[in-house]
Amino acid sequence: MASTAKKILIVLTSHDQLGDTGEKTGFWLEELAAPYYVFKDAEAELTLASPKGGQPPLDPKSSAPDSQTDDTRRFEADPEATTALANTVKLSEVNAQDYDAIFYPGGHGPLWDLVSDEKSIDLIEAFWSAGKPVSAVCHAPIVLAHTKAADGSPLVKGRTVTGFTNEEEDAVGLTNIVPLLVEDTMKDRGAQFSKVEPFQPHAVQDGKLITGQNPASSAAVARKVLEAFEA
């Protein structure tokens, strides 16, 4: 029944420059597409948002042939999905009360914009204080860096999280380009950082906080979000 459908807010980056390399970045397609269909196939209602609204920048490497998956091909051939992506809601217009969970796809873009976006931080804290699932995959757990728990301590302090590891950043050759390393930042905030071998699926849940290590972890994060609704 539509009236009982869960409403999930998906927040994408609006940042498209990979530091001063002259290369483009943005969100990573698989990290949107895989969760999108886990949620859609569970009949959730999805709203896509970004700081600037409209079409978020796609990391061009994520739509290259060697990065494509069944989910990314399905997404790119899906008029409803591509229309939603082209018309993301401005983050400033979003109200946490209207949604049951929040999810952040990664890509390198969030390291520059969402990490310090005040509206994003406010939203995460509102979802968290309301006991709603907060989730992010790959580079997107960086959005938790400046969020606080009710007592003013870092939201991730003492909690188990994962995200793109230092080894993975080294493997893609961007350790000296990115402004922050996800693993180091989470550890600096007092999180217990969990990881497996580079580029292997790994999703962890600590209460209503759900994080994934890399693109291959995207669908697993989404499934844990759906499970968290039942908990």
Protein backbone atom coordinates (compact mmCIF):
# COMPACT_ATOMS: atom_id res chain seq x y z
CA MET A 1 0.00 0.00 0.00
CA ALA A 2 1.35 3.38 -0.99
CA SER A 3 0.41 4.94 2.33
CA THR A 4 2.81 2.65 4.16
CA ALA A 5 5.70 2.97 1.70
CA LYS A 6 8.93 4.09 3.30
CA LYS A 7 10.23 7.43 2.10
CA ILE A 8 13.99 7.56 1.59
CA LEU A 9 16.02 10.69 0.92
CA ILE A 10 19.07 10.15 -1.31
CA VAL A 11 21.59 13.00 -1.10
CA LEU A 12 24.11 13.49 -3.91
CA THR A 13 27.10 15.78 -4.28
CA SER A 14 27.07 18.93 -6.41
CA HIS A 15 30.89 19.13 -6.62
CA ASP A 16 32.50 18.30 -9.97
CA GLN A 17 36.20 19.24 -9.70
CA LEU A 18 38.82 16.71 -8.61
CA GLY A 19 41.00 19.09 -6.63
CA ASP A 20 43.33 21.03 -8.91
CA THR A 21 43.91 18.13 -11.32
CA GLY A 22 41.65 19.57 -14.01
CA GLU A 23 39.73 16.28 -13.98
CA LYS A 24 36.04 15.91 -13.29
CA THR A 25 34.52 14.11 -10.32
CA GLY A 26 31.08 13.83 -8.75
CA PHE A 27 29.01 10.91 -7.55
CA TRP A 28 29.78 7.28 -8.39
CA LEU A 29 27.07 5.76 -10.56
CA GLU A 30 26.98 2.26 -9.03
CA GLU A 31 26.62 3.74 -5.55
CA LEU A 32 23.41 5.42 -6.64
CA ALA A 33 22.07 2.79 -9.03
CA ALA A 34 22.46 -0.32 -6.86
CA PRO A 35 20.75 1.14 -3.76
CA TYR A 36 18.16 2.88 -5.96
CA TYR A 37 16.87 -0.47 -7.17
CA VAL A 38 17.14 -2.21 -3.79
CA PHE A 39 14.90 0.56 -2.46
CA LYS A 40 12.65 0.76 -5.52
CA ASP A 41 12.13 -2.98 -5.68
CA ALA A 42 11.05 -2.81 -2.03
CA GLU A 43 8.47 -0.19 -3.10
CA ALA A 44 10.09 2.65 -1.20
CA GLU A 45 9.40 6.22 -2.32
CA LEU A 46 12.64 7.96 -3.27
CA THR A 47 13.56 11.63 -3.35
CA LEU A 48 16.90 12.66 -4.83
CA ALA A 49 18.47 15.86 -3.51
CA SER A 50 21.74 17.77 -3.84
CA PRO A 51 23.13 21.06 -2.51
CA LYS A 52 22.58 22.92 -5.79
CA GLY A 53 19.58 20.94 -7.05
CA GLY A 54 19.15 19.86 -10.66
CA GLN A 55 21.52 17.43 -12.35
CA PRO A 56 24.36 16.34 -10.03
CA PRO A 57 27.78 15.77 -11.60
CA LEU A 58 28.61 12.18 -12.44
CA ASP A 59 32.17 10.95 -12.06
CA PRO A 60 32.88 10.06 -15.70
CA LYS A 61 34.99 7.08 -14.67
CA SER A 62 31.95 5.51 -13.01
CA SER A 63 30.06 5.23 -16.30
CA ALA A 64 33.03 3.87 -18.25
CA PRO A 65 32.51 0.35 -19.64
CA ASP A 66 34.71 -1.33 -17.02
CA SER A 67 32.72 0.29 -14.20
CA GLN A 68 29.27 -0.63 -15.52
CA THR A 69 27.08 -3.17 -13.73
CA ASP A 70 23.61 -4.57 -14.34
CA ASP A 71 22.27 -1.87 -12.01
CA THR A 72 24.04 1.01 -13.75
CA ARG A 73 22.82 -0.19 -17.15
CA ARG A 74 19.30 -0.53 -15.77
CA PHE A 75 19.49 2.98 -14.31
CA GLU A 76 20.76 4.61 -17.49
CA ALA A 77 17.97 2.95 -19.50
CA ASP A 78 15.27 3.93 -16.97
CA PRO A 79 13.49 7.19 -17.91
CA GLU A 80 11.98 7.59 -14.44
CA ALA A 81 15.38 7.24 -12.78
CA THR A 82 17.24 9.54 -15.15
CA THR A 83 14.50 12.17 -14.90
CA ALA A 84 14.67 12.07 -11.10
CA LEU A 85 18.46 12.44 -11.29
CA ALA A 86 18.23 15.40 -13.66
CA ASN A 87 15.85 17.18 -11.31
CA THR A 88 17.22 16.69 -7.81
CA VAL A 89 15.60 18.80 -5.12
CA LYS A 90 17.71 21.52 -3.52
CA LEU A 91 18.93 20.31 -0.16
CA SER A 92 17.81 23.60 1.42
CA GLU A 93 14.20 22.70 0.56
CA VAL A 94 14.25 19.31 2.28
CA ASN A 95 12.63 18.60 5.66
CA ALA A 96 13.84 15.59 7.63
CA GLN A 97 10.36 15.05 9.05
CA ASP A 98 9.13 14.06 5.57
CA TYR A 99 11.39 11.00 5.30
CA ASP A 100 12.05 7.70 7.04
CA ALA A 101 15.77 7.32 6.19
CA ILE A 102 18.65 9.17 4.56
CA PHE A 103 21.25 7.67 2.23
CA TYR A 104 24.40 9.18 0.72
CA PRO A 105 26.06 7.67 -2.38
CA GLY A 106 29.78 8.28 -2.62
CA GLY A 107 32.18 9.33 -5.32
CA HIS A 108 34.90 11.83 -4.49
CA GLY A 109 32.58 14.86 -4.71
CA PRO A 110 31.28 14.69 -1.11
CA LEU A 111 34.84 15.18 0.19
CA TRP A 112 34.61 18.78 -1.03
CA ASP A 113 30.99 19.84 -0.52
CA LEU A 114 28.77 17.61 1.61
CA VAL A 115 31.43 17.15 4.31
CA SER A 116 30.87 20.73 5.49
CA ASP A 117 27.40 21.48 4.10
CA GLU A 118 25.45 22.90 7.05
CA LYS A 119 22.07 21.75 5.73
CA SER A 120 23.39 18.22 5.25
CA ILE A 121 24.82 18.19 8.77
CA ASP A 122 21.51 19.45 10.19
CA LEU A 123 19.59 16.79 8.28
CA ILE A 124 21.80 13.94 9.49
CA GLU A 125 21.51 15.12 13.08
CA ALA A 126 17.72 15.39 12.72
CA PHE A 127 17.41 11.88 11.29
CA TRP A 128 19.71 10.54 13.99
CA SER A 129 17.88 12.20 16.88
CA ALA A 130 14.59 10.85 15.51
CA GLY A 131 15.94 7.30 15.45
CA LYS A 132 15.83 7.05 11.66
CA PRO A 133 18.44 5.18 9.61
CA VAL A 134 21.45 7.23 8.48
CA SER A 135 23.48 5.55 5.75
CA ALA A 136 26.39 6.25 3.42
CA VAL A 137 28.75 4.30 1.18
CA CYS A 138 32.37 4.57 0.02
CA HIS A 139 33.51 8.22 0.27
CA ALA A 140 30.14 9.42 1.53
CA PRO A 141 30.68 8.50 5.20
CA ILE A 142 32.76 11.70 5.20
CA VAL A 143 29.39 13.49 5.56
CA LEU A 144 29.44 12.32 9.19
CA ALA A 145 32.70 14.13 9.97
CA HIS A 146 31.15 17.24 11.52
CA THR A 147 27.90 15.76 12.84
CA LYS A 148 27.24 15.67 16.56
CA ALA A 149 25.29 13.41 18.87
CA ALA A 150 22.86 14.92 21.37
CA ASP A 151 25.63 15.28 23.97
CA GLY A 152 27.79 17.31 21.56
CA SER A 153 30.32 14.57 20.91
CA PRO A 154 31.06 13.40 17.35
CA LEU A 155 28.16 11.30 16.13
CA VAL A 156 30.52 8.49 15.10
CA LYS A 157 32.50 8.45 18.36
CA GLY A 158 32.62 4.91 19.71
CA ARG A 159 30.54 3.62 16.80
CA THR A 160 31.58 1.09 14.20
CA VAL A 161 31.75 2.53 10.70
CA THR A 162 33.44 1.79 7.42
CA GLY A 163 34.18 3.71 4.24
CA PHE A 164 36.75 4.00 1.46
CA THR A 165 39.99 2.90 3.06
CA ASN A 166 43.44 4.45 2.92
CA GLU A 167 44.58 1.43 0.89
CA GLU A 168 41.79 1.94 -1.60
CA GLU A 169 42.58 5.65 -1.97
CA ASP A 170 46.21 4.72 -2.59
CA ALA A 171 45.10 2.18 -5.19
CA VAL A 172 43.24 4.82 -7.20
CA GLY A 173 46.16 7.23 -6.89
CA LEU A 174 44.33 10.07 -5.15
CA THR A 175 45.78 10.07 -1.64
CA ASN A 176 47.60 13.35 -2.28
CA ILE A 177 44.69 14.92 -4.18
CA VAL A 178 41.76 14.51 -1.79
CA PRO A 179 41.28 17.05 1.02
CA LEU A 180 40.44 14.32 3.54
CA LEU A 181 40.91 10.58 3.86
CA VAL A 182 37.73 8.86 4.99
CA GLU A 183 39.44 6.26 7.15
CA ASP A 184 41.69 8.75 8.96
CA THR A 185 38.83 11.22 9.48
CA MET A 186 36.54 8.61 11.01
CA LYS A 187 39.32 7.42 13.34
CA ASP A 188 40.07 11.02 14.30
CA ARG A 189 36.43 11.39 15.37
CA GLY A 190 36.73 8.36 17.64
CA ALA A 191 35.00 5.83 15.42
CA GLN A 192 35.85 2.16 15.35
CA PHE A 193 36.82 1.78 11.68
CA SER A 194 36.06 -1.63 10.19
CA LYS A 195 37.48 -2.77 6.85
CA VAL A 196 38.13 -5.78 4.67
CA GLU A 197 40.42 -6.32 1.67
CA PRO A 198 40.34 -3.47 -0.86
CA PHE A 199 37.31 -3.37 -3.16
CA GLN A 200 35.56 -6.31 -1.50
CA PRO A 201 31.95 -5.86 -0.33
CA HIS A 202 31.68 -4.74 3.29
CA ALA A 203 28.72 -3.08 5.00
CA VAL A 204 28.45 -2.49 8.73
CA GLN A 205 25.58 -1.49 10.94
CA ASP A 206 25.77 0.13 14.37
CA GLY A 207 22.23 0.74 15.49
CA LYS A 208 20.65 2.99 12.88
CA LEU A 209 24.05 3.98 11.43
CA ILE A 210 24.86 2.00 8.28
CA THR A 211 28.00 2.41 6.19
CA GLY A 212 29.66 0.64 3.28
CA GLN A 213 33.32 0.45 2.30
CA ASN A 214 33.28 0.85 -1.49
CA PRO A 215 31.09 0.64 -4.62
CA ALA A 216 30.73 -3.14 -4.27
CA SER A 217 29.14 -2.55 -0.85
CA SER A 218 26.34 -0.30 -2.12
CA ALA A 219 23.52 -2.82 -2.41
CA ALA A 220 24.39 -4.37 0.96
CA VAL A 221 24.08 -0.96 2.63
CA ALA A 222 20.65 -0.46 1.08
CA ARG A 223 19.48 -3.88 2.24
CA LYS A 224 20.61 -3.07 5.77
CA VAL A 225 18.61 0.17 5.62
CA LEU A 226 15.49 -1.81 4.77
CA GLU A 227 16.26 -4.26 7.60
CA ALA A 228 16.71 -1.33 10.00
CA PHE A 229 13.09 -0.32 9.40
CA GLU A 230 12.05 -3.65 10.89
CA ALA A 231 14.38 -3.46 13.90
